[in-house]
Amino acid sequence: MATKVENATKAAGKTKMPRASVSFPPELYATLERIAKEKKVSVAWVVREAAEKYVGDQWPLFAGKG
């Protein structure tokens, strides 16, 4: 059975990335904002980059996939 995301993706004819809602301690979020500003990217981009690095460090066989 297809999920709502799969159905929406098929209807739109493109790949849709799953979303997540995350809460951060204020100090950590401030640091993420500072990093994002320095790199001229969004906080979401910084978090995605960090998550990819974490997964790659934990499971090296999956590094670079995704």
C-alpha atoms as a PDB file:
ATOM      1  CA  MET A   1       0.000   0.000   0.000  1.00  0.00           C
ATOM      2  CA  ALA A   2       1.403   3.422  -0.977  1.00  0.00           C
ATOM      3  CA  THR A   3       1.953   6.128   1.633  1.00  0.00           C
ATOM      4  CA  LYS A   4       0.687   9.701   1.322  1.00  0.00           C
ATOM      5  CA  VAL A   5       4.228  10.833   0.435  1.00  0.00           C
ATOM      6  CA  GLU A   6       4.503   8.193  -2.301  1.00  0.00           C
ATOM      7  CA  ASN A   7       1.103   9.157  -3.699  1.00  0.00           C
ATOM      8  CA  ALA A   8       1.980  12.874  -3.672  1.00  0.00           C
ATOM      9  CA  THR A   9       5.310  12.118  -5.332  1.00  0.00           C
ATOM     10  CA  LYS A  10       3.669  10.112  -8.113  1.00  0.00           C
ATOM     11  CA  ALA A  11       1.058  12.815  -8.655  1.00  0.00           C
ATOM     12  CA  ALA A  12       3.682  15.553  -8.869  1.00  0.00           C
ATOM     13  CA  GLY A  13       6.003  13.468 -11.055  1.00  0.00           C
ATOM     14  CA  LYS A  14       9.041  14.254  -8.919  1.00  0.00           C
ATOM     15  CA  THR A  15      10.850  13.038  -5.831  1.00  0.00           C
ATOM     16  CA  LYS A  16       9.675  14.501  -2.551  1.00  0.00           C
ATOM     17  CA  MET A  17      12.006  14.547   0.439  1.00  0.00           C
ATOM     18  CA  PRO A  18      10.566  13.492   3.816  1.00  0.00           C
ATOM     19  CA  ARG A  19      10.320  16.223   6.452  1.00  0.00           C
ATOM     20  CA  ALA A  20      11.223  16.142  10.132  1.00  0.00           C
ATOM     21  CA  SER A  21      10.583  18.542  12.966  1.00  0.00           C
ATOM     22  CA  VAL A  22      13.449  18.888  15.438  1.00  0.00           C
ATOM     23  CA  SER A  23      13.831  20.944  18.608  1.00  0.00           C
ATOM     24  CA  PHE A  24      17.254  22.207  19.701  1.00  0.00           C
ATOM     25  CA  PRO A  25      18.521  23.734  22.923  1.00  0.00           C
ATOM     26  CA  PRO A  26      18.771  27.521  22.404  1.00  0.00           C
ATOM     27  CA  GLU A  27      22.577  27.596  22.566  1.00  0.00           C
ATOM     28  CA  LEU A  28      22.941  24.855  19.946  1.00  0.00           C
ATOM     29  CA  TYR A  29      20.438  26.536  17.630  1.00  0.00           C
ATOM     30  CA  ALA A  30      22.308  29.842  17.942  1.00  0.00           C
ATOM     31  CA  THR A  31      25.496  28.039  16.903  1.00  0.00           C
ATOM     32  CA  LEU A  32      23.716  26.444  13.927  1.00  0.00           C
ATOM     33  CA  GLU A  33      22.456  29.890  12.890  1.00  0.00           C
ATOM     34  CA  ARG A  34      25.986  31.319  13.128  1.00  0.00           C
ATOM     35  CA  ILE A  35      27.411  28.493  11.005  1.00  0.00           C
ATOM     36  CA  ALA A  36      24.632  28.919   8.442  1.00  0.00           C
ATOM     37  CA  LYS A  37      25.231  32.671   8.237  1.00  0.00           C
ATOM     38  CA  GLU A  38      28.993  32.180   7.785  1.00  0.00           C
ATOM     39  CA  LYS A  39      28.422  29.614   5.016  1.00  0.00           C
ATOM     40  CA  LYS A  40      25.556  31.662   3.508  1.00  0.00           C
ATOM     41  CA  VAL A  41      23.191  28.700   3.639  1.00  0.00           C
ATOM     42  CA  SER A  42      20.079  27.794   5.636  1.00  0.00           C
ATOM     43  CA  VAL A  43      20.048  26.169   9.055  1.00  0.00           C
ATOM     44  CA  ALA A  44      18.295  23.220   7.384  1.00  0.00           C
ATOM     45  CA  TRP A  45      21.270  22.808   5.035  1.00  0.00           C
ATOM     46  CA  VAL A  46      23.682  22.779   7.992  1.00  0.00           C
ATOM     47  CA  VAL A  47      21.568  20.168   9.811  1.00  0.00           C
ATOM     48  CA  ARG A  48      21.312  17.957   6.680  1.00  0.00           C
ATOM     49  CA  GLU A  49      25.087  18.177   6.162  1.00  0.00           C
ATOM     50  CA  ALA A  50      25.704  17.250   9.810  1.00  0.00           C
ATOM     51  CA  ALA A  51      23.250  14.336   9.632  1.00  0.00           C
ATOM     52  CA  GLU A  52      24.909  12.983   6.466  1.00  0.00           C
ATOM     53  CA  LYS A  53      28.331  13.199   8.122  1.00  0.00           C
ATOM     54  CA  TYR A  54      27.054  11.489  11.264  1.00  0.00           C
ATOM     55  CA  VAL A  55      25.522   8.615   9.298  1.00  0.00           C
ATOM     56  CA  GLY A  56      28.698   8.285   7.212  1.00  0.00           C
ATOM     57  CA  ASP A  57      30.802   8.152  10.380  1.00  0.00           C
ATOM     58  CA  GLN A  58      28.532   5.562  12.017  1.00  0.00           C
ATOM     59  CA  TRP A  59      28.046   3.394   8.919  1.00  0.00           C
ATOM     60  CA  PRO A  60      30.884   4.013   6.445  1.00  0.00           C
ATOM     61  CA  LEU A  61      29.341   1.702   3.827  1.00  0.00           C
ATOM     62  CA  PHE A  62      26.450   4.168   3.522  1.00  0.00           C
ATOM     63  CA  ALA A  63      28.675   7.258   3.189  1.00  0.00           C
ATOM     64  CA  GLY A  64      27.865   9.277   0.092  1.00  0.00           C
ATOM     65  CA  LYS A  65      24.495   7.600  -0.529  1.00  0.00           C
ATOM     66  CA  GLY A  66      21.459   9.812  -0.311  1.00  0.00           C
END
